[in-house]
Amino acid sequence: MQRLRIGRALGAVLAGTLLLGTATACGSEDKTGSEETVVVDITVEGGEITPKGDRVKVSAGQPIDLVVTADTAGSLHMHSDPEQEFAYEAGTKTFPISIDRPGVIEVESHDPPQIIVQLEVR
């Protein structure tokens, strides 16, 4: 009996979520559907960058925000097709991206030379 109640409650929640998703999708130009934005926090402080080569799984076309918080100006380089470079100043800057093709895309720094994150696109 308890399973039935949980099942009904879960069904109601899912139905409500689907209705909400459908209502918010109407008239929207967002082609990614209900996929949430993946946020990758990158910190540049005292010549050190974190993360250090972490792998992040994302879906093809899923929105990604590279959020850089830095104590000095610099740039990120993304090994994609086409390759991209993102310059930033001291402070916080967000770079919205998405990747359409499956594969592993490296985001790196040239100064200091380091792979910051690997985006595993499925």
PDB file of N, CA and C in Angstrom:
ATOM      1  N   MET A   1       0.823  -1.191   0.000  1.00  0.00           N
ATOM      2  CA  MET A   1       0.000   0.000   0.000  1.00  0.00           C
ATOM      3  C   MET A   1       0.867   1.254   0.000  1.00  0.00           C
ATOM      4  N   GLN A   2       1.951   1.245   0.730  1.00  0.00           N
ATOM      5  CA  GLN A   2       2.817   2.412   0.808  1.00  0.00           C
ATOM      6  C   GLN A   2       3.447   2.707  -0.548  1.00  0.00           C
ATOM      7  N   ARG A   3       3.822   1.674  -1.294  1.00  0.00           N
ATOM      8  CA  ARG A   3       4.404   1.870  -2.617  1.00  0.00           C
ATOM      9  C   ARG A   3       3.424   2.591  -3.531  1.00  0.00           C
ATOM     10  N   LEU A   4       2.171   2.234  -3.457  1.00  0.00           N
ATOM     11  CA  LEU A   4       1.155   2.859  -4.294  1.00  0.00           C
ATOM     12  C   LEU A   4       1.065   4.351  -4.006  1.00  0.00           C
ATOM     13  N   ARG A   5       1.112   4.732  -2.755  1.00  0.00           N
ATOM     14  CA  ARG A   5       1.066   6.154  -2.401  1.00  0.00           C
ATOM     15  C   ARG A   5       2.293   6.885  -2.928  1.00  0.00           C
ATOM     16  N   ILE A   6       3.459   6.292  -2.765  1.00  0.00           N
ATOM     17  CA  ILE A   6       4.683   6.909  -3.270  1.00  0.00           C
ATOM     18  C   ILE A   6       4.604   7.012  -4.779  1.00  0.00           C
ATOM     19  N   GLY A   7       4.116   5.948  -5.421  1.00  0.00           N
ATOM     20  CA  GLY A   7       3.987   5.950  -6.874  1.00  0.00           C
ATOM     21  C   GLY A   7       3.041   7.036  -7.350  1.00  0.00           C
ATOM     22  N   ARG A   8       1.896   7.182  -6.688  1.00  0.00           N
ATOM     23  CA  ARG A   8       0.936   8.223  -7.073  1.00  0.00           C
ATOM     24  C   ARG A   8       1.526   9.606  -6.852  1.00  0.00           C
ATOM     25  N   ALA A   9       2.210   9.782  -5.724  1.00  0.00           N
ATOM     26  CA  ALA A   9       2.820  11.084  -5.434  1.00  0.00           C
ATOM     27  C   ALA A   9       3.885  11.398  -6.472  1.00  0.00           C
ATOM     28  N   LEU A  10       4.698  10.399  -6.792  1.00  0.00           N
ATOM     29  CA  LEU A  10       5.744  10.607  -7.789  1.00  0.00           C
ATOM     30  C   LEU A  10       5.115  10.902  -9.144  1.00  0.00           C
ATOM     31  N   GLY A  11       4.058  10.173  -9.490  1.00  0.00           N
ATOM     32  CA  GLY A  11       3.360  10.414 -10.754  1.00  0.00           C
ATOM     33  C   GLY A  11       2.804  11.822 -10.822  1.00  0.00           C
ATOM     34  N   ALA A  12       2.241  12.305  -9.733  1.00  0.00           N
ATOM     35  CA  ALA A  12       1.692  13.659  -9.699  1.00  0.00           C
ATOM     36  C   ALA A  12       2.797  14.693  -9.869  1.00  0.00           C
ATOM     37  N   VAL A  13       3.926  14.457  -9.210  1.00  0.00           N
ATOM     38  CA  VAL A  13       5.053  15.384  -9.331  1.00  0.00           C
ATOM     39  C   VAL A  13       5.565  15.390 -10.761  1.00  0.00           C
ATOM     40  N   LEU A  14       5.740  14.217 -11.355  1.00  0.00           N
ATOM     41  CA  LEU A  14       6.217  14.135 -12.733  1.00  0.00           C
ATOM     42  C   LEU A  14       5.240  14.790 -13.703  1.00  0.00           C
ATOM     43  N   ALA A  15       3.949  14.541 -13.522  1.00  0.00           N
ATOM     44  CA  ALA A  15       2.952  15.146 -14.392  1.00  0.00           C
ATOM     45  C   ALA A  15       2.987  16.665 -14.274  1.00  0.00           C
ATOM     46  N   GLY A  16       3.115  17.162 -13.055  1.00  0.00           N
ATOM     47  CA  GLY A  16       3.203  18.608 -12.848  1.00  0.00           C
ATOM     48  C   GLY A  16       4.450  19.183 -13.480  1.00  0.00           C
ATOM     49  N   THR A  17       5.543  18.457 -13.359  1.00  0.00           N
ATOM     50  CA  THR A  17       6.800  18.913 -13.958  1.00  0.00           C
ATOM     51  C   THR A  17       6.684  18.953 -15.474  1.00  0.00           C
ATOM     52  N   LEU A  18       6.075  17.922 -16.057  1.00  0.00           N
ATOM     53  CA  LEU A  18       5.900  17.903 -17.509  1.00  0.00           C
ATOM     54  C   LEU A  18       5.005  19.046 -17.973  1.00  0.00           C
ATOM     55  N   LEU A  19       3.932  19.286 -17.254  1.00  0.00           N
ATOM     56  CA  LEU A  19       3.041  20.391 -17.618  1.00  0.00           C
ATOM     57  C   LEU A  19       3.757  21.726 -17.509  1.00  0.00           C
ATOM     58  N   LEU A  20       4.517  21.910 -16.445  1.00  0.00           N
ATOM     59  CA  LEU A  20       5.265  23.143 -16.259  1.00  0.00           C
ATOM     60  C   LEU A  20       6.284  23.311 -17.371  1.00  0.00           C
ATOM     61  N   GLY A  21       6.996  22.221 -17.704  1.00  0.00           N
ATOM     62  CA  GLY A  21       7.981  22.271 -18.778  1.00  0.00           C
ATOM     63  C   GLY A  21       7.344  22.606 -20.106  1.00  0.00           C
ATOM     64  N   THR A  22       6.160  22.050 -20.375  1.00  0.00           N
ATOM     65  CA  THR A  22       5.457  22.336 -21.618  1.00  0.00           C
ATOM     66  C   THR A  22       4.995  23.784 -21.643  1.00  0.00           C
ATOM     67  N   ALA A  23       4.492  24.264 -20.525  1.00  0.00           N
ATOM     68  CA  ALA A  23       4.004  25.644 -20.475  1.00  0.00           C
ATOM     69  C   ALA A  23       5.137  26.637 -20.661  1.00  0.00           C
ATOM     70  N   THR A  24       6.288  26.368 -20.096  1.00  0.00           N
ATOM     71  CA  THR A  24       7.386  27.311 -20.216  1.00  0.00           C
ATOM     72  C   THR A  24       8.071  27.197 -21.569  1.00  0.00           C
ATOM     73  N   ALA A  25       7.930  26.042 -22.243  1.00  0.00           N
ATOM     74  CA  ALA A  25       8.578  25.867 -23.534  1.00  0.00           C
ATOM     75  C   ALA A  25       7.818  26.572 -24.651  1.00  0.00           C
ATOM     76  N   CYS A  26       6.536  26.800 -24.491  1.00  0.00           N
ATOM     77  CA  CYS A  26       5.756  27.448 -25.535  1.00  0.00           C
ATOM     78  C   CYS A  26       6.270  28.850 -25.792  1.00  0.00           C
ATOM     79  N   GLY A  27       6.544  29.135 -27.057  1.00  0.00           N
ATOM     80  CA  GLY A  27       7.010  30.469 -27.411  1.00  0.00           C
ATOM     81  C   GLY A  27       8.471  30.702 -27.102  1.00  0.00           C
ATOM     82  N   SER A  28       9.165  29.696 -26.617  1.00  0.00           N
ATOM     83  CA  SER A  28      10.574  29.862 -26.277  1.00  0.00           C
ATOM     84  C   SER A  28      11.440  29.533 -27.478  1.00  0.00           C
ATOM     85  N   GLU A  29      12.518  30.264 -27.629  1.00  0.00           N
ATOM     86  CA  GLU A  29      13.465  30.024 -28.710  1.00  0.00           C
ATOM     87  C   GLU A  29      14.559  29.065 -28.262  1.00  0.00           C
ATOM     88  N   ASP A  30      14.539  28.624 -27.009  1.00  0.00           N
ATOM     89  CA  ASP A  30      15.579  27.765 -26.450  1.00  0.00           C
ATOM     90  C   ASP A  30      15.496  26.382 -27.079  1.00  0.00           C
ATOM     91  N   LYS A  31      16.535  25.988 -27.826  1.00  0.00           N
ATOM     92  CA  LYS A  31      16.538  24.705 -28.521  1.00  0.00           C
ATOM     93  C   LYS A  31      17.073  23.583 -27.650  1.00  0.00           C
ATOM     94  N   THR A  32      17.540  23.867 -26.465  1.00  0.00           N
ATOM     95  CA  THR A  32      18.108  22.835 -25.605  1.00  0.00           C
ATOM     96  C   THR A  32      17.041  22.158 -24.765  1.00  0.00           C
ATOM     97  N   GLY A  33      15.794  22.583 -24.872  1.00  0.00           N
ATOM     98  CA  GLY A  33      14.736  21.953 -24.103  1.00  0.00           C
ATOM     99  C   GLY A  33      14.877  22.250 -22.632  1.00  0.00           C
ATOM    100  N   SER A  34      14.715  21.193 -21.828  1.00  0.00           N
ATOM    101  CA  SER A  34      14.716  21.394 -20.385  1.00  0.00           C
ATOM    102  C   SER A  34      16.086  21.146 -19.761  1.00  0.00           C
ATOM    103  N   GLU A  35      17.137  21.019 -20.571  1.00  0.00           N
ATOM    104  CA  GLU A  35      18.451  20.767 -20.005  1.00  0.00           C
ATOM    105  C   GLU A  35      18.930  21.978 -19.214  1.00  0.00           C
ATOM    106  N   GLU A  36      19.433  21.698 -18.038  1.00  0.00           N
ATOM    107  CA  GLU A  36      19.945  22.768 -17.190  1.00  0.00           C
ATOM    108  C   GLU A  36      21.330  23.183 -17.650  1.00  0.00           C
ATOM    109  N   THR A  37      21.669  24.423 -17.388  1.00  0.00           N
ATOM    110  CA  THR A  37      22.987  24.924 -17.712  1.00  0.00           C
ATOM    111  C   THR A  37      24.009  24.314 -16.754  1.00  0.00           C
ATOM    112  N   VAL A  38      25.086  23.791 -17.324  1.00  0.00           N
ATOM    113  CA  VAL A  38      26.193  23.266 -16.523  1.00  0.00           C
ATOM    114  C   VAL A  38      27.116  24.445 -16.227  1.00  0.00           C
ATOM    115  N   VAL A  39      27.407  24.665 -14.958  1.00  0.00           N
ATOM    116  CA  VAL A  39      28.278  25.767 -14.561  1.00  0.00           C
ATOM    117  C   VAL A  39      29.631  25.194 -14.156  1.00  0.00           C
ATOM    118  N   VAL A  40      30.688  25.695 -14.819  1.00  0.00           N
ATOM    119  CA  VAL A  40      32.049  25.293 -14.491  1.00  0.00           C
ATOM    120  C   VAL A  40      32.728  26.508 -13.860  1.00  0.00           C
ATOM    121  N   ASP A  41      32.977  26.437 -12.560  1.00  0.00           N
ATOM    122  CA  ASP A  41      33.640  27.526 -11.840  1.00  0.00           C
ATOM    123  C   ASP A  41      35.146  27.382 -11.983  1.00  0.00           C
ATOM    124  N   ILE A  42      35.788  28.432 -12.476  1.00  0.00           N
ATOM    125  CA  ILE A  42      37.233  28.453 -12.665  1.00  0.00           C
ATOM    126  C   ILE A  42      37.789  29.597 -11.830  1.00  0.00           C
ATOM    127  N   THR A  43      38.771  29.305 -10.988  1.00  0.00           N
ATOM    128  CA  THR A  43      39.374  30.321 -10.130  1.00  0.00           C
ATOM    129  C   THR A  43      40.845  30.496 -10.505  1.00  0.00           C
ATOM    130  N   VAL A  44      41.219  31.761 -10.699  1.00  0.00           N
ATOM    131  CA  VAL A  44      42.613  32.112 -10.969  1.00  0.00           C
ATOM    132  C   VAL A  44      43.045  33.016  -9.823  1.00  0.00           C
ATOM    133  N   GLU A  45      43.969  32.490  -8.987  1.00  0.00           N
ATOM    134  CA  GLU A  45      44.388  33.252  -7.813  1.00  0.00           C
ATOM    135  C   GLU A  45      45.853  32.975  -7.507  1.00  0.00           C
ATOM    136  N   GLY A  46      46.636  34.033  -7.437  1.00  0.00           N
ATOM    137  CA  GLY A  46      48.046  33.906  -7.094  1.00  0.00           C
ATOM    138  C   GLY A  46      48.833  33.033  -8.062  1.00  0.00           C
ATOM    139  N   GLY A  47      48.472  33.072  -9.341  1.00  0.00           N
ATOM    140  CA  GLY A  47      49.163  32.270 -10.345  1.00  0.00           C
ATOM    141  C   GLY A  47      48.711  30.822 -10.409  1.00  0.00           C
ATOM    142  N   GLU A  48      47.745  30.428  -9.592  1.00  0.00           N
ATOM    143  CA  GLU A  48      47.206  29.062  -9.577  1.00  0.00           C
ATOM    144  C   GLU A  48      45.815  29.063 -10.196  1.00  0.00           C
ATOM    145  N   ILE A  49      45.505  28.002 -10.926  1.00  0.00           N
ATOM    146  CA  ILE A  49      44.181  27.867 -11.536  1.00  0.00           C
ATOM    147  C   ILE A  49      43.554  26.573 -11.046  1.00  0.00           C
ATOM    148  N   THR A  50      42.296  26.661 -10.646  1.00  0.00           N
ATOM    149  CA  THR A  50      41.511  25.467 -10.323  1.00  0.00           C
ATOM    150  C   THR A  50      40.211  25.552 -11.108  1.00  0.00           C
ATOM    151  N   PRO A  51      39.691  24.433 -11.562  1.00  0.00           N
ATOM    152  CA  PRO A  51      40.146  23.066 -11.347  1.00  0.00           C
ATOM    153  C   PRO A  51      41.385  22.738 -12.173  1.00  0.00           C
ATOM    154  N   LYS A  52      41.897  21.539 -11.971  1.00  0.00           N
ATOM    155  CA  LYS A  52      43.124  21.099 -12.644  1.00  0.00           C
ATOM    156  C   LYS A  52      42.840  19.821 -13.431  1.00  0.00           C
ATOM    157  N   GLY A  53      42.172  19.982 -14.567  1.00  0.00           N
ATOM    158  CA  GLY A  53      41.926  18.856 -15.465  1.00  0.00           C
ATOM    159  C   GLY A  53      40.703  18.024 -15.163  1.00  0.00           C
ATOM    160  N   ASP A  54      39.800  18.518 -14.315  1.00  0.00           N
ATOM    161  CA  ASP A  54      38.580  17.767 -14.013  1.00  0.00           C
ATOM    162  C   ASP A  54      37.808  17.473 -15.292  1.00  0.00           C
ATOM    163  N   ARG A  55      37.112  16.330 -15.315  1.00  0.00           N
ATOM    164  CA  ARG A  55      36.271  15.971 -16.446  1.00  0.00           C
ATOM    165  C   ARG A  55      34.816  16.222 -16.074  1.00  0.00           C
ATOM    166  N   VAL A  56      34.105  16.940 -16.957  1.00  0.00           N
ATOM    167  CA  VAL A  56      32.704  17.283 -16.733  1.00  0.00           C
ATOM    168  C   VAL A  56      31.892  16.714 -17.886  1.00  0.00           C
ATOM    169  N   LYS A  57      30.879  15.905 -17.576  1.00  0.00           N
ATOM    170  CA  LYS A  57      30.026  15.309 -18.607  1.00  0.00           C
ATOM    171  C   LYS A  57      28.877  16.249 -18.938  1.00  0.00           C
ATOM    172  N   VAL A  58      28.684  16.479 -20.249  1.00  0.00           N
ATOM    173  CA  VAL A  58      27.587  17.324 -20.731  1.00  0.00           C
ATOM    174  C   VAL A  58      26.964  16.657 -21.955  1.00  0.00           C
ATOM    175  N   SER A  59      25.764  17.070 -22.274  1.00  0.00           N
ATOM    176  CA  SER A  59      25.092  16.584 -23.476  1.00  0.00           C
ATOM    177  C   SER A  59      25.398  17.517 -24.637  1.00  0.00           C
ATOM    178  N   ALA A  60      25.387  16.971 -25.838  1.00  0.00           N
ATOM    179  CA  ALA A  60      25.580  17.802 -27.026  1.00  0.00           C
ATOM    180  C   ALA A  60      24.506  18.886 -27.052  1.00  0.00           C
ATOM    181  N   GLY A  61      24.922  20.114 -27.254  1.00  0.00           N
ATOM    182  CA  GLY A  61      23.998  21.242 -27.307  1.00  0.00           C
ATOM    183  C   GLY A  61      23.590  21.803 -25.960  1.00  0.00           C
ATOM    184  N   GLN A  62      23.984  21.166 -24.877  1.00  0.00           N
ATOM    185  CA  GLN A  62      23.613  21.635 -23.542  1.00  0.00           C
ATOM    186  C   GLN A  62      24.334  22.945 -23.233  1.00  0.00           C
ATOM    187  N   PRO A  63      23.637  23.917 -22.656  1.00  0.00           N
ATOM    188  CA  PRO A  63      24.308  25.171 -22.312  1.00  0.00           C
ATOM    189  C   PRO A  63      25.317  24.976 -21.176  1.00  0.00           C
ATOM    190  N   ILE A  64      26.475  25.623 -21.343  1.00  0.00           N
ATOM    191  CA  ILE A  64      27.556  25.553 -20.358  1.00  0.00           C
ATOM    192  C   ILE A  64      27.991  26.976 -20.065  1.00  0.00           C
ATOM    193  N   ASP A  65      28.153  27.313 -18.799  1.00  0.00           N
ATOM    194  CA  ASP A  65      28.712  28.603 -18.396  1.00  0.00           C
ATOM    195  C   ASP A  65      30.084  28.370 -17.794  1.00  0.00           C
ATOM    196  N   LEU A  66      31.124  28.931 -18.434  1.00  0.00           N
ATOM    197  CA  LEU A  66      32.455  28.948 -17.841  1.00  0.00           C
ATOM    198  C   LEU A  66      32.529  30.231 -17.028  1.00  0.00           C
ATOM    199  N   VAL A  67      32.552  30.120 -15.705  1.00  0.00           N
ATOM    200  CA  VAL A  67      32.547  31.284 -14.820  1.00  0.00           C
ATOM    201  C   VAL A  67      33.956  31.438 -14.251  1.00  0.00           C
ATOM    202  N   VAL A  68      34.636  32.485 -14.703  1.00  0.00           N
ATOM    203  CA  VAL A  68      36.022  32.719 -14.297  1.00  0.00           C
ATOM    204  C   VAL A  68      36.061  33.819 -13.245  1.00  0.00           C
ATOM    205  N   THR A  69      36.632  33.507 -12.096  1.00  0.00           N
ATOM    206  CA  THR A  69      36.885  34.495 -11.052  1.00  0.00           C
ATOM    207  C   THR A  69      38.400  34.593 -10.930  1.00  0.00           C
ATOM    208  N   ALA A  70      38.950  35.778 -11.260  1.00  0.00           N
ATOM    209  CA  ALA A  70      40.400  35.922 -11.357  1.00  0.00           C
ATOM    210  C   ALA A  70      40.905  37.154 -10.624  1.00  0.00           C
ATOM    211  N   ASP A  71      42.135  37.049 -10.131  1.00  0.00           N
ATOM    212  CA  ASP A  71      42.762  38.208  -9.491  1.00  0.00           C
ATOM    213  C   ASP A  71      43.680  38.949 -10.466  1.00  0.00           C
ATOM    214  N   THR A  72      43.740  38.459 -11.710  1.00  0.00           N
ATOM    215  CA  THR A  72      44.541  39.103 -12.749  1.00  0.00           C
ATOM    216  C   THR A  72      43.941  38.763 -14.112  1.00  0.00           C
ATOM    217  N   ALA A  73      44.276  39.538 -15.135  1.00  0.00           N
ATOM    218  CA  ALA A  73      43.780  39.281 -16.480  1.00  0.00           C
ATOM    219  C   ALA A  73      44.441  38.046 -17.071  1.00  0.00           C
ATOM    220  N   GLY A  74      43.768  37.397 -17.995  1.00  0.00           N
ATOM    221  CA  GLY A  74      44.314  36.216 -18.660  1.00  0.00           C
ATOM    222  C   GLY A  74      43.372  35.750 -19.745  1.00  0.00           C
ATOM    223  N   SER A  75      43.558  34.516 -20.177  1.00  0.00           N
ATOM    224  CA  SER A  75      42.671  33.964 -21.203  1.00  0.00           C
ATOM    225  C   SER A  75      42.594  32.450 -21.087  1.00  0.00           C
ATOM    226  N   LEU A  76      41.483  31.928 -21.582  1.00  0.00           N
ATOM    227  CA  LEU A  76      41.257  30.496 -21.676  1.00  0.00           C
ATOM    228  C   LEU A  76      41.267  30.135 -23.153  1.00  0.00           C
ATOM    229  N   HIS A  77      41.708  28.933 -23.460  1.00  0.00           N
ATOM    230  CA  HIS A  77      41.719  28.455 -24.825  1.00  0.00           C
ATOM    231  C   HIS A  77      40.933  27.151 -24.853  1.00  0.00           C
ATOM    232  N   MET A  78      39.997  27.034 -25.806  1.00  0.00           N
ATOM    233  CA  MET A  78      39.168  25.836 -25.889  1.00  0.00           C
ATOM    234  C   MET A  78      39.460  25.120 -27.194  1.00  0.00           C
ATOM    235  N   HIS A  79      39.874  23.853 -27.088  1.00  0.00           N
ATOM    236  CA  HIS A  79      40.191  23.033 -28.259  1.00  0.00           C
ATOM    237  C   HIS A  79      38.910  22.465 -28.845  1.00  0.00           C
ATOM    238  N   SER A  80      38.172  23.301 -29.557  1.00  0.00           N
ATOM    239  CA  SER A  80      36.938  22.892 -30.205  1.00  0.00           C
ATOM    240  C   SER A  80      37.082  23.159 -31.695  1.00  0.00           C
ATOM    241  N   ASP A  81      36.048  22.906 -32.453  1.00  0.00           N
ATOM    242  CA  ASP A  81      36.066  23.188 -33.877  1.00  0.00           C
ATOM    243  C   ASP A  81      34.935  24.155 -34.186  1.00  0.00           C
ATOM    244  N   PRO A  82      35.216  25.428 -34.379  1.00  0.00           N
ATOM    245  CA  PRO A  82      36.532  26.047 -34.404  1.00  0.00           C
ATOM    246  C   PRO A  82      37.055  26.275 -32.976  1.00  0.00           C
ATOM    247  N   GLU A  83      38.384  26.425 -32.868  1.00  0.00           N
ATOM    248  CA  GLU A  83      38.976  26.713 -31.569  1.00  0.00           C
ATOM    249  C   GLU A  83      38.502  28.079 -31.100  1.00  0.00           C
ATOM    250  N   GLN A  84      38.414  28.240 -29.783  1.00  0.00           N
ATOM    251  CA  GLN A  84      37.930  29.503 -29.222  1.00  0.00           C
ATOM    252  C   GLN A  84      38.872  29.980 -28.134  1.00  0.00           C
ATOM    253  N   GLU A  85      38.939  31.295 -27.974  1.00  0.00           N
ATOM    254  CA  GLU A  85      39.728  31.889 -26.899  1.00  0.00           C
ATOM    255  C   GLU A  85      38.850  32.893 -26.167  1.00  0.00           C
ATOM    256  N   PHE A  86      38.949  32.873 -24.839  1.00  0.00           N
ATOM    257  CA  PHE A  86      38.143  33.740 -23.994  1.00  0.00           C
ATOM    258  C   PHE A  86      39.068  34.574 -23.119  1.00  0.00           C
ATOM    259  N   ALA A  87      39.123  35.876 -23.384  1.00  0.00           N
ATOM    260  CA  ALA A  87      39.950  36.783 -22.575  1.00  0.00           C
ATOM    261  C   ALA A  87      39.126  37.285 -21.395  1.00  0.00           C
ATOM    262  N   TYR A  88      39.772  37.412 -20.240  1.00  0.00           N
ATOM    263  CA  TYR A  88      39.091  37.918 -19.051  1.00  0.00           C
ATOM    264  C   TYR A  88      39.994  38.906 -18.323  1.00  0.00           C
ATOM    265  N   GLU A  89      39.377  39.777 -17.586  1.00  0.00           N
ATOM    266  CA  GLU A  89      40.069  40.756 -16.733  1.00  0.00           C
ATOM    267  C   GLU A  89      39.953  40.279 -15.285  1.00  0.00           C
ATOM    268  N   ALA A  90      40.600  40.986 -14.368  1.00  0.00           N
ATOM    269  CA  ALA A  90      40.437  40.679 -12.951  1.00  0.00           C
ATOM    270  C   ALA A  90      38.965  40.874 -12.592  1.00  0.00           C
ATOM    271  N   GLY A  91      38.442  39.986 -11.779  1.00  0.00           N
ATOM    272  CA  GLY A  91      37.026  40.023 -11.407  1.00  0.00           C
ATOM    273  C   GLY A  91      36.365  38.723 -11.827  1.00  0.00           C
ATOM    274  N   THR A  92      35.058  38.778 -12.060  1.00  0.00           N
ATOM    275  CA  THR A  92      34.307  37.592 -12.464  1.00  0.00           C
ATOM    276  C   THR A  92      33.691  37.817 -13.827  1.00  0.00           C
ATOM    277  N   LYS A  93      33.844  36.842 -14.691  1.00  0.00           N
ATOM    278  CA  LYS A  93      33.308  36.919 -16.056  1.00  0.00           C
ATOM    279  C   LYS A  93      32.723  35.556 -16.404  1.00  0.00           C
ATOM    280  N   THR A  94      31.545  35.559 -17.038  1.00  0.00           N
ATOM    281  CA  THR A  94      30.890  34.326 -17.460  1.00  0.00           C
ATOM    282  C   THR A  94      30.938  34.222 -18.980  1.00  0.00           C
ATOM    283  N   PHE A  95      31.368  33.051 -19.467  1.00  0.00           N
ATOM    284  CA  PHE A  95      31.409  32.774 -20.900  1.00  0.00           C
ATOM    285  C   PHE A  95      30.400  31.665 -21.197  1.00  0.00           C
ATOM    286  N   PRO A  96      29.249  32.010 -21.808  1.00  0.00           N
ATOM    287  CA  PRO A  96      28.263  30.983 -22.147  1.00  0.00           C
ATOM    288  C   PRO A  96      28.676  30.282 -23.445  1.00  0.00           C
ATOM    289  N   ILE A  97      28.706  28.948 -23.409  1.00  0.00           N
ATOM    290  CA  ILE A  97      29.078  28.165 -24.579  1.00  0.00           C
ATOM    291  C   ILE A  97      28.149  26.967 -24.699  1.00  0.00           C
ATOM    292  N   SER A  98      28.194  26.297 -25.831  1.00  0.00           N
ATOM    293  CA  SER A  98      27.599  24.975 -25.991  1.00  0.00           C
ATOM    294  C   SER A  98      28.405  24.268 -27.074  1.00  0.00           C
ATOM    295  N   ILE A  99      28.419  22.953 -27.013  1.00  0.00           N
ATOM    296  CA  ILE A  99      29.183  22.148 -27.952  1.00  0.00           C
ATOM    297  C   ILE A  99      28.216  21.149 -28.578  1.00  0.00           C
ATOM    298  N   ASP A 100      28.178  21.134 -29.890  1.00  0.00           N
ATOM    299  CA  ASP A 100      27.197  20.310 -30.589  1.00  0.00           C
ATOM    300  C   ASP A 100      27.669  18.901 -30.930  1.00  0.00           C
ATOM    301  N   ARG A 101      28.973  18.691 -31.002  1.00  0.00           N
ATOM    302  CA  ARG A 101      29.494  17.384 -31.418  1.00  0.00           C
ATOM    303  C   ARG A 101      30.049  16.601 -30.231  1.00  0.00           C
ATOM    304  N   PRO A 102      29.758  15.296 -30.189  1.00  0.00           N
ATOM    305  CA  PRO A 102      30.313  14.455 -29.127  1.00  0.00           C
ATOM    306  C   PRO A 102      31.841  14.402 -29.188  1.00  0.00           C
ATOM    307  N   GLY A 103      32.450  14.235 -28.038  1.00  0.00           N
ATOM    308  CA  GLY A 103      33.904  14.145 -27.932  1.00  0.00           C
ATOM    309  C   GLY A 103      34.364  14.773 -26.628  1.00  0.00           C
ATOM    310  N   VAL A 104      35.676  14.870 -26.463  1.00  0.00           N
ATOM    311  CA  VAL A 104      36.243  15.499 -25.275  1.00  0.00           C
ATOM    312  C   VAL A 104      36.913  16.795 -25.709  1.00  0.00           C
ATOM    313  N   ILE A 105      36.457  17.901 -25.133  1.00  0.00           N
ATOM    314  CA  ILE A 105      36.969  19.231 -25.447  1.00  0.00           C
ATOM    315  C   ILE A 105      37.749  19.730 -24.235  1.00  0.00           C
ATOM    316  N   GLU A 106      39.004  20.104 -24.468  1.00  0.00           N
ATOM    317  CA  GLU A 106      39.833  20.609 -23.377  1.00  0.00           C
ATOM    318  C   GLU A 106      39.774  22.132 -23.323  1.00  0.00           C
ATOM    319  N   VAL A 107      39.630  22.639 -22.114  1.00  0.00           N
ATOM    320  CA  VAL A 107      39.730  24.073 -21.853  1.00  0.00           C
ATOM    321  C   VAL A 107      41.033  24.242 -21.087  1.00  0.00           C
ATOM    322  N   GLU A 108      41.909  25.098 -21.605  1.00  0.00           N
ATOM    323  CA  GLU A 108      43.228  25.219 -20.998  1.00  0.00           C
ATOM    324  C   GLU A 108      43.657  26.668 -20.855  1.00  0.00           C
ATOM    325  N   SER A 109      44.731  26.819 -20.113  1.00  0.00           N
ATOM    326  CA  SER A 109      45.396  28.106 -19.949  1.00  0.00           C
ATOM    327  C   SER A 109      46.790  27.960 -20.541  1.00  0.00           C
ATOM    328  N   HIS A 110      47.284  29.025 -21.145  1.00  0.00           N
ATOM    329  CA  HIS A 110      48.656  29.008 -21.643  1.00  0.00           C
ATOM    330  C   HIS A 110      49.612  29.628 -20.635  1.00  0.00           C
ATOM    331  N   ASP A 111      49.079  30.422 -19.690  1.00  0.00           N
ATOM    332  CA  ASP A 111      49.919  31.067 -18.691  1.00  0.00           C
ATOM    333  C   ASP A 111      49.187  31.067 -17.352  1.00  0.00           C
ATOM    334  N   PRO A 112      49.442  30.097 -16.480  1.00  0.00           N
ATOM    335  CA  PRO A 112      50.395  29.006 -16.621  1.00  0.00           C
ATOM    336  C   PRO A 112      49.832  27.927 -17.549  1.00  0.00           C
ATOM    337  N   PRO A 113      50.716  27.128 -18.192  1.00  0.00           N
ATOM    338  CA  PRO A 113      50.243  26.071 -19.082  1.00  0.00           C
ATOM    339  C   PRO A 113      49.574  24.948 -18.280  1.00  0.00           C
ATOM    340  N   GLN A 114      48.274  24.779 -18.518  1.00  0.00           N
ATOM    341  CA  GLN A 114      47.521  23.813 -17.709  1.00  0.00           C
ATOM    342  C   GLN A 114      46.201  23.494 -18.373  1.00  0.00           C
ATOM    343  N   ILE A 115      45.810  22.225 -18.350  1.00  0.00           N
ATOM    344  CA  ILE A 115      44.449  21.844 -18.728  1.00  0.00           C
ATOM    345  C   ILE A 115      43.582  22.134 -17.508  1.00  0.00           C
ATOM    346  N   ILE A 116      42.555  22.932 -17.715  1.00  0.00           N
ATOM    347  CA  ILE A 116      41.689  23.341 -16.607  1.00  0.00           C
ATOM    348  C   ILE A 116      40.539  22.359 -16.449  1.00  0.00           C
ATOM    349  N   VAL A 117      39.872  22.076 -17.561  1.00  0.00           N
ATOM    350  CA  VAL A 117      38.720  21.175 -17.513  1.00  0.00           C
ATOM    351  C   VAL A 117      38.593  20.461 -18.857  1.00  0.00           C
ATOM    352  N   GLN A 118      38.087  19.236 -18.796  1.00  0.00           N
ATOM    353  CA  GLN A 118      37.791  18.470 -20.003  1.00  0.00           C
ATOM    354  C   GLN A 118      36.276  18.303 -20.065  1.00  0.00           C
ATOM    355  N   LEU A 119      35.658  18.795 -21.127  1.00  0.00           N
ATOM    356  CA  LEU A 119      34.223  18.684 -21.291  1.00  0.00           C
ATOM    357  C   LEU A 119      33.937  17.438 -22.128  1.00  0.00           C
ATOM    358  N   GLU A 120      33.353  16.429 -21.491  1.00  0.00           N
ATOM    359  CA  GLU A 120      33.018  15.180 -22.182  1.00  0.00           C
ATOM    360  C   GLU A 120      31.606  15.318 -22.720  1.00  0.00           C
ATOM    361  N   VAL A 121      31.514  15.508 -24.035  1.00  0.00           N
ATOM    362  CA  VAL A 121      30.241  15.765 -24.696  1.00  0.00           C
ATOM    363  C   VAL A 121      29.678  14.458 -25.240  1.00  0.00           C
ATOM    364  N   ARG A 122      28.443  14.162 -24.865  1.00  0.00           N
ATOM    365  CA  ARG A 122      27.762  12.933 -25.347  1.00  0.00           C
ATOM    366  C   ARG A 122      26.585  13.275 -26.198  1.00  0.00           C
TER     367      ARG A 122
END
